[in-house]
N, C-alpha and C. Protein backbone atom coordinates (compact mmCIF):
# COMPACT_ATOMS: atom_id res chain seq x y z
N UNK A 1 0.83 -1.20 0.00
CA UNK A 1 0.00 0.00 0.00
C UNK A 1 0.87 1.25 0.00
N UNK A 2 0.37 2.27 -0.66
CA UNK A 2 1.11 3.54 -0.70
C UNK A 2 0.89 4.32 0.59
N UNK A 3 1.94 4.97 1.04
CA UNK A 3 1.86 5.82 2.23
C UNK A 3 1.42 7.21 1.78
N UNK A 4 0.09 7.45 1.80
CA UNK A 4 -0.42 8.70 1.26
C UNK A 4 -0.09 9.91 2.13
N UNK A 5 0.20 9.70 3.40
CA UNK A 5 0.64 10.82 4.24
C UNK A 5 1.98 11.35 3.75
N UNK A 6 2.87 10.43 3.38
CA UNK A 6 4.19 10.84 2.87
C UNK A 6 4.06 11.43 1.46
N UNK A 7 3.22 10.82 0.61
CA UNK A 7 3.01 11.35 -0.73
C UNK A 7 2.42 12.76 -0.66
N UNK A 8 1.46 12.95 0.24
CA UNK A 8 0.85 14.27 0.38
C UNK A 8 1.85 15.30 0.89
N UNK A 9 2.80 14.86 1.73
CA UNK A 9 3.82 15.78 2.22
C UNK A 9 4.71 16.27 1.09
N UNK A 10 5.10 15.35 0.19
CA UNK A 10 5.92 15.74 -0.96
C UNK A 10 5.16 16.73 -1.84
N UNK A 11 3.91 16.41 -2.14
CA UNK A 11 3.11 17.28 -3.00
C UNK A 11 2.91 18.65 -2.36
N UNK A 12 2.72 18.69 -1.04
CA UNK A 12 2.50 19.96 -0.34
C UNK A 12 3.75 20.83 -0.38
N UNK A 13 4.92 20.23 -0.20
CA UNK A 13 6.17 21.00 -0.24
C UNK A 13 6.36 21.63 -1.61
N UNK A 14 6.10 20.87 -2.67
CA UNK A 14 6.26 21.40 -4.02
C UNK A 14 5.22 22.47 -4.31
N UNK A 15 4.00 22.23 -3.88
CA UNK A 15 2.92 23.19 -4.14
C UNK A 15 3.13 24.50 -3.37
N UNK A 16 3.56 24.38 -2.12
CA UNK A 16 3.72 25.56 -1.26
C UNK A 16 5.09 26.22 -1.40
N UNK A 17 6.08 25.44 -1.85
CA UNK A 17 7.40 26.02 -2.09
C UNK A 17 8.39 25.86 -0.95
N UNK A 18 7.93 25.41 0.24
CA UNK A 18 8.84 25.22 1.36
C UNK A 18 8.24 24.23 2.34
N UNK A 19 9.09 23.69 3.20
CA UNK A 19 8.63 22.73 4.21
C UNK A 19 7.76 23.43 5.26
N UNK A 20 8.10 24.67 5.58
CA UNK A 20 7.34 25.39 6.60
C UNK A 20 5.91 25.66 6.13
N UNK A 21 5.76 26.16 4.91
CA UNK A 21 4.40 26.44 4.41
C UNK A 21 3.62 25.15 4.17
N UNK A 22 4.33 24.09 3.77
CA UNK A 22 3.66 22.79 3.61
C UNK A 22 3.13 22.31 4.95
N UNK A 23 3.90 22.50 6.02
CA UNK A 23 3.46 22.09 7.34
C UNK A 23 2.21 22.85 7.76
N UNK A 24 2.17 24.15 7.48
CA UNK A 24 0.98 24.95 7.79
C UNK A 24 -0.23 24.44 7.02
N UNK A 25 -0.03 24.12 5.75
CA UNK A 25 -1.15 23.65 4.93
C UNK A 25 -1.67 22.30 5.40
N UNK A 26 -0.77 21.45 5.86
CA UNK A 26 -1.16 20.11 6.30
C UNK A 26 -1.58 20.06 7.77
N UNK A 27 -1.30 21.12 8.51
CA UNK A 27 -1.66 21.15 9.92
C UNK A 27 -0.75 20.30 10.79
N UNK A 28 0.52 20.18 10.39
CA UNK A 28 1.50 19.43 11.18
C UNK A 28 2.74 20.30 11.36
N UNK A 29 3.75 19.76 12.03
CA UNK A 29 4.98 20.52 12.25
C UNK A 29 5.92 20.36 11.04
N UNK A 30 6.81 21.35 10.80
CA UNK A 30 7.80 21.19 9.73
C UNK A 30 8.66 19.94 9.90
N UNK A 31 8.93 19.57 11.17
CA UNK A 31 9.72 18.36 11.42
C UNK A 31 9.00 17.11 10.92
N UNK A 32 7.67 17.07 11.11
CA UNK A 32 6.89 15.92 10.65
C UNK A 32 6.91 15.83 9.13
N UNK A 33 6.79 16.97 8.45
CA UNK A 33 6.85 16.97 6.98
C UNK A 33 8.21 16.49 6.52
N UNK A 34 9.28 17.00 7.14
CA UNK A 34 10.63 16.61 6.76
C UNK A 34 10.85 15.12 6.96
N UNK A 35 10.36 14.57 8.07
CA UNK A 35 10.53 13.14 8.35
C UNK A 35 9.79 12.29 7.33
N UNK A 36 8.57 12.72 6.94
CA UNK A 36 7.80 11.96 5.96
C UNK A 36 8.49 11.96 4.60
N UNK A 37 8.99 13.11 4.21
CA UNK A 37 9.66 13.21 2.91
C UNK A 37 10.94 12.38 2.93
N UNK A 38 11.73 12.51 4.00
CA UNK A 38 13.00 11.78 4.09
C UNK A 38 12.76 10.27 4.10
N UNK A 39 11.73 9.83 4.82
CA UNK A 39 11.44 8.39 4.88
C UNK A 39 11.05 7.86 3.50
N UNK A 40 10.28 8.65 2.76
CA UNK A 40 9.87 8.21 1.42
C UNK A 40 11.07 8.19 0.48
N UNK A 41 11.95 9.18 0.58
CA UNK A 41 13.16 9.21 -0.25
C UNK A 41 14.05 8.01 0.06
N UNK A 42 14.18 7.66 1.34
CA UNK A 42 15.00 6.50 1.71
C UNK A 42 14.38 5.20 1.20
N UNK A 43 13.05 5.15 1.24
CA UNK A 43 12.35 3.95 0.77
C UNK A 43 12.53 3.78 -0.73
N UNK A 44 12.49 4.87 -1.47
CA UNK A 44 12.60 4.81 -2.93
C UNK A 44 14.06 4.81 -3.40
N UNK A 45 14.96 5.27 -2.53
CA UNK A 45 16.36 5.32 -2.91
C UNK A 45 16.68 6.44 -3.87
N UNK A 46 15.92 7.51 -3.81
CA UNK A 46 16.16 8.63 -4.72
C UNK A 46 15.66 9.92 -4.08
N UNK A 47 16.23 11.05 -4.52
CA UNK A 47 15.81 12.36 -4.03
C UNK A 47 14.52 12.77 -4.75
N UNK A 48 13.55 13.24 -3.99
CA UNK A 48 12.27 13.66 -4.55
C UNK A 48 12.14 15.18 -4.63
N UNK A 49 12.85 15.88 -3.74
CA UNK A 49 12.73 17.34 -3.67
C UNK A 49 14.12 17.95 -3.63
N UNK A 50 14.35 18.92 -4.50
CA UNK A 50 15.58 19.71 -4.45
C UNK A 50 15.35 20.83 -3.45
N UNK A 51 16.12 20.80 -2.36
CA UNK A 51 15.95 21.79 -1.29
C UNK A 51 16.51 23.12 -1.77
N UNK A 52 15.65 23.98 -2.25
CA UNK A 52 16.03 25.29 -2.77
C UNK A 52 14.97 26.29 -2.36
N UNK A 53 15.06 27.50 -2.87
CA UNK A 53 14.06 28.53 -2.59
C UNK A 53 13.47 29.02 -3.92
N UNK A 54 12.29 28.55 -4.34
CA UNK A 54 11.47 27.56 -3.64
C UNK A 54 11.94 26.13 -3.91
N UNK A 55 11.38 25.19 -3.15
CA UNK A 55 11.70 23.78 -3.36
C UNK A 55 11.19 23.34 -4.73
N UNK A 56 11.96 22.46 -5.37
CA UNK A 56 11.63 22.00 -6.73
C UNK A 56 11.61 20.48 -6.74
N UNK A 57 10.66 19.91 -7.45
CA UNK A 57 10.56 18.45 -7.53
C UNK A 57 11.53 17.89 -8.56
N UNK A 58 12.11 16.74 -8.25
CA UNK A 58 12.88 16.00 -9.24
C UNK A 58 11.89 15.28 -10.16
N UNK A 59 12.40 14.55 -11.12
CA UNK A 59 11.52 13.81 -12.03
C UNK A 59 10.63 12.84 -11.25
N UNK A 60 11.23 12.12 -10.31
CA UNK A 60 10.44 11.19 -9.48
C UNK A 60 9.44 11.96 -8.62
N UNK A 61 9.86 13.10 -8.10
CA UNK A 61 8.95 13.92 -7.30
C UNK A 61 7.78 14.44 -8.10
N UNK A 62 8.02 14.78 -9.36
CA UNK A 62 6.94 15.25 -10.23
C UNK A 62 5.91 14.15 -10.44
N UNK A 63 6.36 12.93 -10.60
CA UNK A 63 5.42 11.82 -10.79
C UNK A 63 4.57 11.60 -9.55
N UNK A 64 5.19 11.75 -8.39
CA UNK A 64 4.42 11.61 -7.15
C UNK A 64 3.39 12.71 -7.03
N UNK A 65 3.79 13.95 -7.32
CA UNK A 65 2.86 15.07 -7.25
C UNK A 65 1.68 14.87 -8.20
N UNK A 66 1.97 14.41 -9.42
CA UNK A 66 0.90 14.18 -10.38
C UNK A 66 -0.05 13.10 -9.89
N UNK A 67 0.49 12.06 -9.29
CA UNK A 67 -0.36 10.98 -8.76
C UNK A 67 -1.24 11.49 -7.64
N UNK A 68 -0.66 12.26 -6.73
CA UNK A 68 -1.43 12.79 -5.60
C UNK A 68 -2.58 13.67 -6.09
N UNK A 69 -2.30 14.51 -7.08
CA UNK A 69 -3.35 15.40 -7.58
C UNK A 69 -4.43 14.62 -8.31
N UNK A 70 -4.06 13.54 -8.99
CA UNK A 70 -5.07 12.69 -9.64
C UNK A 70 -5.98 12.06 -8.60
N UNK A 71 -5.38 11.56 -7.54
CA UNK A 71 -6.18 10.95 -6.47
C UNK A 71 -7.10 11.98 -5.84
N UNK A 72 -6.60 13.16 -5.59
CA UNK A 72 -7.41 14.21 -4.97
C UNK A 72 -8.54 14.65 -5.91
N UNK A 73 -8.25 14.65 -7.21
CA UNK A 73 -9.29 15.02 -8.17
C UNK A 73 -10.40 13.97 -8.18
N UNK A 74 -10.02 12.69 -8.14
CA UNK A 74 -11.02 11.62 -8.09
C UNK A 74 -11.82 11.70 -6.79
N UNK A 75 -11.13 11.99 -5.68
CA UNK A 75 -11.84 12.13 -4.41
C UNK A 75 -12.83 13.29 -4.46
N UNK A 76 -12.41 14.39 -5.08
CA UNK A 76 -13.29 15.55 -5.18
C UNK A 76 -14.53 15.23 -6.00
N UNK A 77 -14.35 14.47 -7.08
CA UNK A 77 -15.50 14.08 -7.89
C UNK A 77 -16.44 13.16 -7.11
N UNK A 78 -15.86 12.23 -6.35
CA UNK A 78 -16.67 11.32 -5.55
C UNK A 78 -17.45 12.07 -4.47
N UNK A 79 -16.80 13.03 -3.82
CA UNK A 79 -17.47 13.82 -2.78
C UNK A 79 -18.60 14.65 -3.37
N UNK A 80 -18.39 15.10 -4.63
CA UNK A 80 -19.46 15.83 -5.29
C UNK A 80 -20.70 14.98 -5.48
N UNK A 81 -20.49 13.67 -5.70
CA UNK A 81 -21.62 12.76 -5.88
C UNK A 81 -22.15 12.25 -4.54
N UNK A 82 -21.24 12.08 -3.57
CA UNK A 82 -21.62 11.58 -2.24
C UNK A 82 -21.05 12.53 -1.18
N UNK A 83 -21.72 13.65 -0.94
CA UNK A 83 -21.19 14.67 -0.02
C UNK A 83 -20.91 14.14 1.38
N UNK A 84 -21.60 13.07 1.79
CA UNK A 84 -21.42 12.53 3.13
C UNK A 84 -20.00 12.01 3.36
N UNK A 85 -19.29 11.70 2.26
CA UNK A 85 -17.93 11.20 2.39
C UNK A 85 -16.93 12.30 2.67
N UNK A 86 -17.32 13.56 2.49
CA UNK A 86 -16.41 14.68 2.62
C UNK A 86 -15.98 14.93 4.05
N UNK A 87 -14.77 15.48 4.18
CA UNK A 87 -14.24 15.87 5.48
C UNK A 87 -14.46 17.36 5.65
N UNK A 88 -15.34 17.72 6.56
CA UNK A 88 -15.68 19.14 6.74
C UNK A 88 -14.49 19.97 7.17
N UNK A 89 -13.45 19.34 7.73
CA UNK A 89 -12.28 20.09 8.17
C UNK A 89 -11.23 20.25 7.10
N UNK A 90 -11.41 19.63 5.95
CA UNK A 90 -10.43 19.71 4.87
C UNK A 90 -10.60 21.00 4.08
N UNK A 91 -9.49 21.74 3.93
CA UNK A 91 -9.53 23.00 3.19
C UNK A 91 -8.55 23.01 2.03
N UNK A 92 -7.91 21.87 1.74
CA UNK A 92 -6.91 21.80 0.68
C UNK A 92 -7.58 21.76 -0.67
N UNK A 93 -7.35 22.76 -1.53
CA UNK A 93 -7.97 22.75 -2.85
C UNK A 93 -7.28 21.76 -3.78
N UNK A 94 -8.01 21.33 -4.78
CA UNK A 94 -7.43 20.47 -5.81
C UNK A 94 -6.56 21.31 -6.72
N UNK A 95 -5.40 20.79 -7.11
CA UNK A 95 -4.51 21.48 -8.04
C UNK A 95 -4.51 20.75 -9.37
N UNK A 96 -4.81 21.47 -10.44
CA UNK A 96 -4.82 20.91 -11.79
C UNK A 96 -3.61 21.47 -12.54
N UNK A 97 -2.73 20.58 -12.99
CA UNK A 97 -1.55 21.01 -13.75
C UNK A 97 -1.86 20.88 -15.23
N UNK A 98 -1.75 21.99 -15.96
CA UNK A 98 -2.13 22.04 -17.37
C UNK A 98 -0.97 22.57 -18.20
N UNK A 99 -0.66 21.90 -19.30
CA UNK A 99 0.37 22.36 -20.23
C UNK A 99 -0.29 23.23 -21.30
N UNK A 100 0.20 24.45 -21.47
CA UNK A 100 -0.42 25.43 -22.37
C UNK A 100 0.66 26.12 -23.18
N UNK A 101 0.36 26.43 -24.43
CA UNK A 101 1.31 27.17 -25.26
C UNK A 101 1.20 28.67 -24.97
N UNK A 102 2.24 29.41 -25.28
CA UNK A 102 2.31 30.84 -24.94
C UNK A 102 1.26 31.68 -25.66
N UNK A 103 0.93 31.33 -26.89
CA UNK A 103 -0.06 32.12 -27.62
C UNK A 103 -1.43 32.02 -26.96
N UNK A 104 -1.77 30.86 -26.43
CA UNK A 104 -3.04 30.71 -25.72
C UNK A 104 -3.02 31.53 -24.43
N UNK A 105 -1.87 31.52 -23.73
CA UNK A 105 -1.75 32.30 -22.51
C UNK A 105 -1.96 33.79 -22.81
N UNK A 106 -1.43 34.23 -23.95
CA UNK A 106 -1.50 35.65 -24.30
C UNK A 106 -2.83 36.07 -24.88
N UNK A 107 -3.74 35.14 -25.11
CA UNK A 107 -5.02 35.52 -25.74
C UNK A 107 -6.21 35.08 -24.89
N UNK A 108 -6.64 33.84 -25.00
CA UNK A 108 -7.93 33.44 -24.42
C UNK A 108 -7.84 32.67 -23.11
N UNK A 109 -6.68 32.04 -22.80
CA UNK A 109 -6.65 31.05 -21.73
C UNK A 109 -6.84 31.65 -20.34
N UNK A 110 -6.16 32.75 -20.04
CA UNK A 110 -6.18 33.30 -18.68
C UNK A 110 -7.59 33.69 -18.22
N UNK A 111 -8.38 34.42 -19.01
CA UNK A 111 -9.75 34.74 -18.56
C UNK A 111 -10.60 33.49 -18.35
N UNK A 112 -10.45 32.51 -19.22
CA UNK A 112 -11.25 31.29 -19.10
C UNK A 112 -10.88 30.51 -17.85
N UNK A 113 -9.59 30.32 -17.62
CA UNK A 113 -9.17 29.52 -16.46
C UNK A 113 -9.43 30.27 -15.16
N UNK A 114 -9.43 31.60 -15.21
CA UNK A 114 -9.76 32.38 -14.01
C UNK A 114 -11.21 32.16 -13.60
N UNK A 115 -12.10 32.15 -14.58
CA UNK A 115 -13.51 31.89 -14.28
C UNK A 115 -13.69 30.47 -13.75
N UNK A 116 -12.97 29.52 -14.34
CA UNK A 116 -13.06 28.13 -13.87
C UNK A 116 -12.58 28.01 -12.43
N UNK A 117 -11.45 28.64 -12.10
CA UNK A 117 -10.90 28.55 -10.75
C UNK A 117 -11.82 29.20 -9.73
N UNK A 118 -12.42 30.33 -10.11
CA UNK A 118 -13.33 31.01 -9.19
C UNK A 118 -14.58 30.17 -8.93
N UNK A 119 -15.05 29.48 -9.97
CA UNK A 119 -16.26 28.68 -9.83
C UNK A 119 -16.00 27.37 -9.09
N UNK A 120 -14.86 26.74 -9.35
CA UNK A 120 -14.60 25.41 -8.80
C UNK A 120 -13.80 25.43 -7.50
N UNK A 121 -13.06 26.51 -7.26
CA UNK A 121 -12.19 26.56 -6.10
C UNK A 121 -10.88 25.83 -6.29
N UNK A 122 -10.62 25.34 -7.49
CA UNK A 122 -9.38 24.60 -7.76
C UNK A 122 -8.23 25.56 -8.04
N UNK A 123 -7.02 25.07 -7.80
CA UNK A 123 -5.81 25.80 -8.18
C UNK A 123 -5.35 25.27 -9.53
N UNK A 124 -4.80 26.14 -10.36
CA UNK A 124 -4.32 25.73 -11.68
C UNK A 124 -2.83 26.03 -11.78
N UNK A 125 -2.05 25.00 -12.01
CA UNK A 125 -0.60 25.12 -12.18
C UNK A 125 -0.30 25.03 -13.68
N UNK A 126 0.15 26.12 -14.28
CA UNK A 126 0.33 26.20 -15.72
C UNK A 126 1.78 25.89 -16.09
N UNK A 127 1.95 24.96 -17.02
CA UNK A 127 3.27 24.62 -17.56
C UNK A 127 3.32 25.15 -19.00
N UNK A 128 4.25 26.05 -19.30
CA UNK A 128 4.36 26.63 -20.63
C UNK A 128 5.22 25.74 -21.53
N UNK A 129 4.72 25.49 -22.74
CA UNK A 129 5.48 24.71 -23.71
C UNK A 129 4.87 24.96 -25.09
N UNK A 130 5.58 24.56 -26.13
CA UNK A 130 5.04 24.68 -27.50
C UNK A 130 3.89 23.70 -27.68
N UNK A 131 2.91 24.10 -28.50
CA UNK A 131 1.70 23.28 -28.63
C UNK A 131 1.97 21.89 -29.18
N UNK A 132 3.06 21.71 -29.93
CA UNK A 132 3.36 20.37 -30.44
C UNK A 132 4.02 19.48 -29.38
N UNK A 133 4.49 20.08 -28.27
CA UNK A 133 5.15 19.31 -27.24
C UNK A 133 4.26 19.04 -26.02
N UNK A 134 3.16 19.78 -25.87
CA UNK A 134 2.31 19.60 -24.68
C UNK A 134 1.72 18.19 -24.57
N UNK A 135 1.39 17.49 -25.67
CA UNK A 135 0.88 16.12 -25.50
C UNK A 135 1.89 15.20 -24.84
N UNK A 136 3.18 15.43 -25.06
CA UNK A 136 4.20 14.61 -24.43
C UNK A 136 4.17 14.73 -22.92
N UNK A 137 3.91 15.94 -22.43
CA UNK A 137 3.81 16.15 -20.98
C UNK A 137 2.58 15.43 -20.42
N UNK A 138 1.52 15.40 -21.22
CA UNK A 138 0.31 14.68 -20.81
C UNK A 138 0.56 13.17 -20.84
N UNK A 139 1.29 12.73 -21.83
CA UNK A 139 1.55 11.29 -21.99
C UNK A 139 2.44 10.74 -20.88
N UNK A 140 3.42 11.53 -20.40
CA UNK A 140 4.31 11.03 -19.36
C UNK A 140 3.79 11.30 -17.96
N UNK A 141 2.57 11.85 -17.86
CA UNK A 141 1.94 12.03 -16.56
C UNK A 141 2.32 13.29 -15.83
N UNK A 142 3.07 14.19 -16.49
CA UNK A 142 3.49 15.42 -15.83
C UNK A 142 2.34 16.38 -15.60
N UNK A 143 1.34 16.35 -16.49
CA UNK A 143 0.19 17.24 -16.38
C UNK A 143 -1.09 16.42 -16.50
N UNK A 144 -2.21 17.03 -16.11
CA UNK A 144 -3.52 16.38 -16.21
C UNK A 144 -4.28 16.78 -17.47
N UNK A 145 -3.87 17.87 -18.10
CA UNK A 145 -4.53 18.32 -19.32
C UNK A 145 -3.53 19.14 -20.13
N UNK A 146 -3.82 19.30 -21.42
CA UNK A 146 -2.90 20.03 -22.29
C UNK A 146 -3.66 20.70 -23.43
N UNK A 147 -3.22 21.89 -23.79
CA UNK A 147 -3.72 22.58 -24.98
C UNK A 147 -2.73 22.27 -26.10
N UNK A 148 -3.22 21.71 -27.19
CA UNK A 148 -2.33 21.26 -28.26
C UNK A 148 -2.99 21.42 -29.62
N UNK A 149 -2.17 21.40 -30.68
CA UNK A 149 -2.71 21.39 -32.03
C UNK A 149 -2.64 19.98 -32.63
N UNK A 150 -2.33 19.00 -31.80
CA UNK A 150 -2.20 17.61 -32.24
C UNK A 150 -3.57 16.93 -32.17
N UNK A 151 -4.02 16.38 -33.30
CA UNK A 151 -5.36 15.78 -33.36
C UNK A 151 -5.41 14.39 -32.75
N UNK A 152 -4.26 13.76 -32.51
CA UNK A 152 -4.26 12.41 -31.95
C UNK A 152 -4.65 12.45 -30.48
N UNK A 153 -5.25 11.37 -30.01
CA UNK A 153 -5.73 11.29 -28.63
C UNK A 153 -4.71 10.52 -27.79
N UNK A 154 -4.28 11.12 -26.68
CA UNK A 154 -3.39 10.44 -25.75
C UNK A 154 -4.19 9.35 -25.04
N UNK A 155 -3.62 8.15 -24.93
CA UNK A 155 -4.32 7.03 -24.32
C UNK A 155 -4.79 7.37 -22.91
N UNK A 156 -6.07 7.09 -22.64
CA UNK A 156 -6.64 7.36 -21.33
C UNK A 156 -7.19 8.76 -21.17
N UNK A 157 -7.14 9.56 -22.23
CA UNK A 157 -7.60 10.95 -22.16
C UNK A 157 -8.73 11.21 -23.15
N UNK A 158 -9.44 12.31 -22.96
CA UNK A 158 -10.46 12.76 -23.88
C UNK A 158 -9.94 13.95 -24.68
N UNK A 159 -10.46 14.14 -25.87
CA UNK A 159 -10.09 15.30 -26.68
C UNK A 159 -11.31 16.19 -26.87
N UNK A 160 -11.15 17.47 -26.60
CA UNK A 160 -12.24 18.45 -26.76
C UNK A 160 -11.72 19.58 -27.65
N UNK A 161 -12.43 19.86 -28.74
CA UNK A 161 -12.03 20.93 -29.63
C UNK A 161 -12.32 22.29 -28.99
N UNK A 162 -11.30 23.15 -28.95
CA UNK A 162 -11.44 24.46 -28.31
C UNK A 162 -11.60 25.59 -29.33
N UNK A 163 -11.38 25.30 -30.60
CA UNK A 163 -11.46 26.34 -31.62
C UNK A 163 -10.12 26.54 -32.30
N UNK A 164 -9.93 27.69 -32.90
CA UNK A 164 -8.71 27.95 -33.66
C UNK A 164 -8.18 29.35 -33.37
N UNK A 165 -6.86 29.48 -33.41
CA UNK A 165 -6.20 30.78 -33.33
C UNK A 165 -5.68 31.14 -34.71
N UNK A 166 -6.07 32.31 -35.20
CA UNK A 166 -5.60 32.76 -36.51
C UNK A 166 -4.49 33.79 -36.34
N UNK A 167 -3.43 33.64 -37.09
CA UNK A 167 -2.27 34.51 -37.00
C UNK A 167 -2.21 35.42 -38.23
N UNK A 168 -2.02 36.71 -38.00
CA UNK A 168 -1.89 37.67 -39.09
C UNK A 168 -0.51 38.31 -39.02
N UNK A 169 0.22 38.26 -40.13
CA UNK A 169 1.55 38.85 -40.17
C UNK A 169 1.45 40.37 -40.17
N UNK A 170 2.16 41.03 -39.29
CA UNK A 170 2.16 42.50 -39.22
C UNK A 170 3.58 42.99 -39.00
N UNK A 171 3.85 44.21 -39.47
CA UNK A 171 5.15 44.84 -39.27
C UNK A 171 4.99 46.34 -39.45
N UNK A 172 5.89 47.09 -38.83
CA UNK A 172 5.85 48.54 -38.98
C UNK A 172 6.38 48.93 -40.36
N UNK A 173 5.99 50.09 -40.89
CA UNK A 173 6.53 50.55 -42.18
C UNK A 173 8.04 50.63 -42.17
N UNK A 174 8.62 51.03 -41.03
CA UNK A 174 10.07 51.14 -40.95
C UNK A 174 10.75 49.79 -41.12
N UNK A 175 10.16 48.74 -40.52
CA UNK A 175 10.73 47.40 -40.66
C UNK A 175 10.62 46.92 -42.09
N UNK A 176 9.48 47.17 -42.73
CA UNK A 176 9.30 46.77 -44.13
C UNK A 176 10.33 47.46 -45.02
N UNK A 177 10.55 48.76 -44.75
CA UNK A 177 11.53 49.50 -45.55
C UNK A 177 12.93 48.94 -45.35
N UNK A 178 13.26 48.56 -44.11
CA UNK A 178 14.58 47.99 -43.82
C UNK A 178 14.77 46.68 -44.56
N UNK A 179 13.75 45.82 -44.53
CA UNK A 179 13.85 44.54 -45.22
C UNK A 179 14.00 44.74 -46.72
N UNK A 180 13.25 45.72 -47.27
CA UNK A 180 13.33 45.98 -48.71
C UNK A 180 14.73 46.45 -49.10
N UNK A 181 15.33 47.31 -48.28
CA UNK A 181 16.67 47.81 -48.61
C UNK A 181 17.69 46.67 -48.62
N UNK A 182 17.46 45.68 -47.77
CA UNK A 182 18.41 44.57 -47.68
C UNK A 182 18.20 43.54 -48.79
N UNK A 183 17.11 43.67 -49.52
CA UNK A 183 16.81 42.70 -50.59
C UNK A 183 16.55 43.41 -51.92
N UNK A 184 17.26 44.52 -52.17
CA UNK A 184 17.03 45.27 -53.41
C UNK A 184 17.41 44.49 -54.65
N UNK A 185 18.29 43.54 -54.49
CA UNK A 185 18.71 42.78 -55.67
C UNK A 185 17.64 41.81 -56.14
N UNK A 186 16.68 41.51 -55.27
CA UNK A 186 15.60 40.60 -55.66
C UNK A 186 14.57 41.32 -56.51
N UNK A 187 13.70 40.56 -57.14
CA UNK A 187 12.63 41.15 -57.92
C UNK A 187 11.59 41.76 -57.00
N UNK A 188 10.81 42.69 -57.51
CA UNK A 188 9.79 43.36 -56.70
C UNK A 188 8.76 42.38 -56.19
N UNK A 189 8.48 41.35 -56.98
CA UNK A 189 7.44 40.40 -56.58
C UNK A 189 7.90 39.50 -55.45
N UNK A 190 9.25 39.36 -55.32
CA UNK A 190 9.74 38.41 -54.32
C UNK A 190 10.33 39.09 -53.09
N UNK A 191 10.23 40.43 -53.02
CA UNK A 191 10.78 41.11 -51.85
C UNK A 191 9.99 40.77 -50.61
N UNK A 192 10.69 40.43 -49.50
CA UNK A 192 9.98 40.12 -48.26
C UNK A 192 9.12 41.26 -47.77
N UNK A 193 9.55 42.52 -48.00
CA UNK A 193 8.75 43.66 -47.56
C UNK A 193 7.39 43.68 -48.21
N UNK A 194 7.33 43.30 -49.53
CA UNK A 194 6.04 43.24 -50.21
C UNK A 194 5.19 42.13 -49.63
N UNK A 195 5.82 41.00 -49.32
CA UNK A 195 5.05 39.91 -48.75
C UNK A 195 4.54 40.27 -47.36
N UNK A 196 5.33 41.06 -46.62
CA UNK A 196 4.86 41.51 -45.32
C UNK A 196 3.64 42.40 -45.46
N UNK A 197 3.69 43.33 -46.44
CA UNK A 197 2.58 44.25 -46.62
C UNK A 197 1.32 43.52 -47.08
N UNK A 198 1.52 42.43 -47.83
CA UNK A 198 0.37 41.69 -48.32
C UNK A 198 -0.14 40.67 -47.30
N UNK A 199 0.59 40.50 -46.20
CA UNK A 199 0.14 39.58 -45.15
C UNK A 199 0.41 38.13 -45.47
N UNK A 200 1.39 37.84 -46.34
CA UNK A 200 1.65 36.46 -46.72
C UNK A 200 2.98 35.94 -46.21
N UNK A 201 3.65 36.71 -45.38
CA UNK A 201 4.99 36.32 -44.95
C UNK A 201 5.11 36.53 -43.45
N UNK A 202 5.61 35.52 -42.76
CA UNK A 202 5.85 35.68 -41.32
C UNK A 202 6.82 34.63 -40.84
N UNK A 203 7.74 35.04 -39.98
CA UNK A 203 8.67 34.07 -39.39
C UNK A 203 7.88 33.06 -38.58
N UNK A 204 8.19 31.79 -38.77
CA UNK A 204 7.50 30.76 -38.00
C UNK A 204 6.21 30.29 -38.64
N UNK A 205 5.84 30.83 -39.78
CA UNK A 205 4.64 30.35 -40.46
C UNK A 205 3.44 31.24 -40.23
N UNK A 206 2.41 31.04 -41.03
CA UNK A 206 1.20 31.84 -40.96
C UNK A 206 0.01 30.94 -41.23
N UNK A 207 -1.04 31.14 -40.49
CA UNK A 207 -2.24 30.35 -40.73
C UNK A 207 -3.02 30.14 -39.45
N UNK A 208 -3.86 29.14 -39.46
CA UNK A 208 -4.72 28.86 -38.30
C UNK A 208 -4.29 27.56 -37.64
N UNK A 209 -4.05 27.61 -36.33
CA UNK A 209 -3.72 26.41 -35.57
C UNK A 209 -4.93 26.04 -34.73
N UNK A 210 -5.44 24.86 -34.92
CA UNK A 210 -6.62 24.43 -34.18
C UNK A 210 -6.20 23.79 -32.87
N UNK A 211 -6.70 24.34 -31.78
CA UNK A 211 -6.31 23.86 -30.45
C UNK A 211 -7.35 22.89 -29.91
N UNK A 212 -6.83 21.91 -29.15
CA UNK A 212 -7.68 20.87 -28.58
C UNK A 212 -7.30 20.68 -27.12
């Protein structure tokens, strides 16, 4: 059987950033948290937490944190269906770790997740990565959900279409003029400045990426 008191101690230290704040969140002494973490590390034969400011999880520690949050999410769902099972003294919110690309963060994601957190009371831990790499974080168990442009379904997960982000190439007139001066030897039809003005040229590609 898993020692969930020790697993919860590891997750609390990573979530709170220190042993002292983890102890406050768990309602125990910092010494008790330290003993639980050390005992689990000795049992596994590996370091789970890098003692820094703030504390950081190792790869093994990340897996434990993800497992703890999955269990707490399942418990929260069960309590929603059977409120009698709930502990009235428990105040620890569920933490959902989500992998999101930067463009989503800069446009639609923050207002949406803020409304979700306010309604559900959950904490959201955001992991930034490129949209083509976020499924990998979901696949290895690092996160519970991911925003991606990959249409394939990760085993054990659901896919929900969120819509599309359209990208429009833009540049200042001064930048266009600079690019044109650097490419005067090219034909007028192939100058990058003309393509910029026509909206057909952009570093990194142009078009619509459908997020799921």
